[in-house]
């Protein structure tokens, strides 16, 4: 593989990340249990109110890990357009989830977990760190957010 493109500016990388948060339907969610056993699954999500909002059963391994661990790693699937996100998790039941967030997921995916099994929970993931790069030539400057503050 030969690198032919120029490195994007930090501002362009942030715009590209925000575009993916708006348009993508699936995001990889990485969690771990109390013993450190990792779990990685793709979930539907919506970007709403400056947070990632997926929903899954609280009884699933991912649901329990999100609830108990309070943190999640997130990523998009393209290895030539890497976006890694780290965030803090707040859990909501279907009865407690803010209506605008639930409606945003329904509008994006056509699915409303509030009408599904009562074991579905909602997870607001507020970003604490964001990295983005295209291949090795963009590794420098990949940290766009640290400690919840955008560097760009």
Foldseek 3Di string as FASTA:
>chain_A
DDDDDAWDDLVVLVVVVVVCLAQPQKKWKWFADPVRHIDIDIFGWHCDPQWTKTKDFCPDPSNVRCVVVQKIWIWDDDPQKTKIWIFGKDKAFLVGDPPVRQVRSCVNPVDRCNPPDSRMMMITTHTAWMFIGGPDNHPVPRTQHHRNRGPD
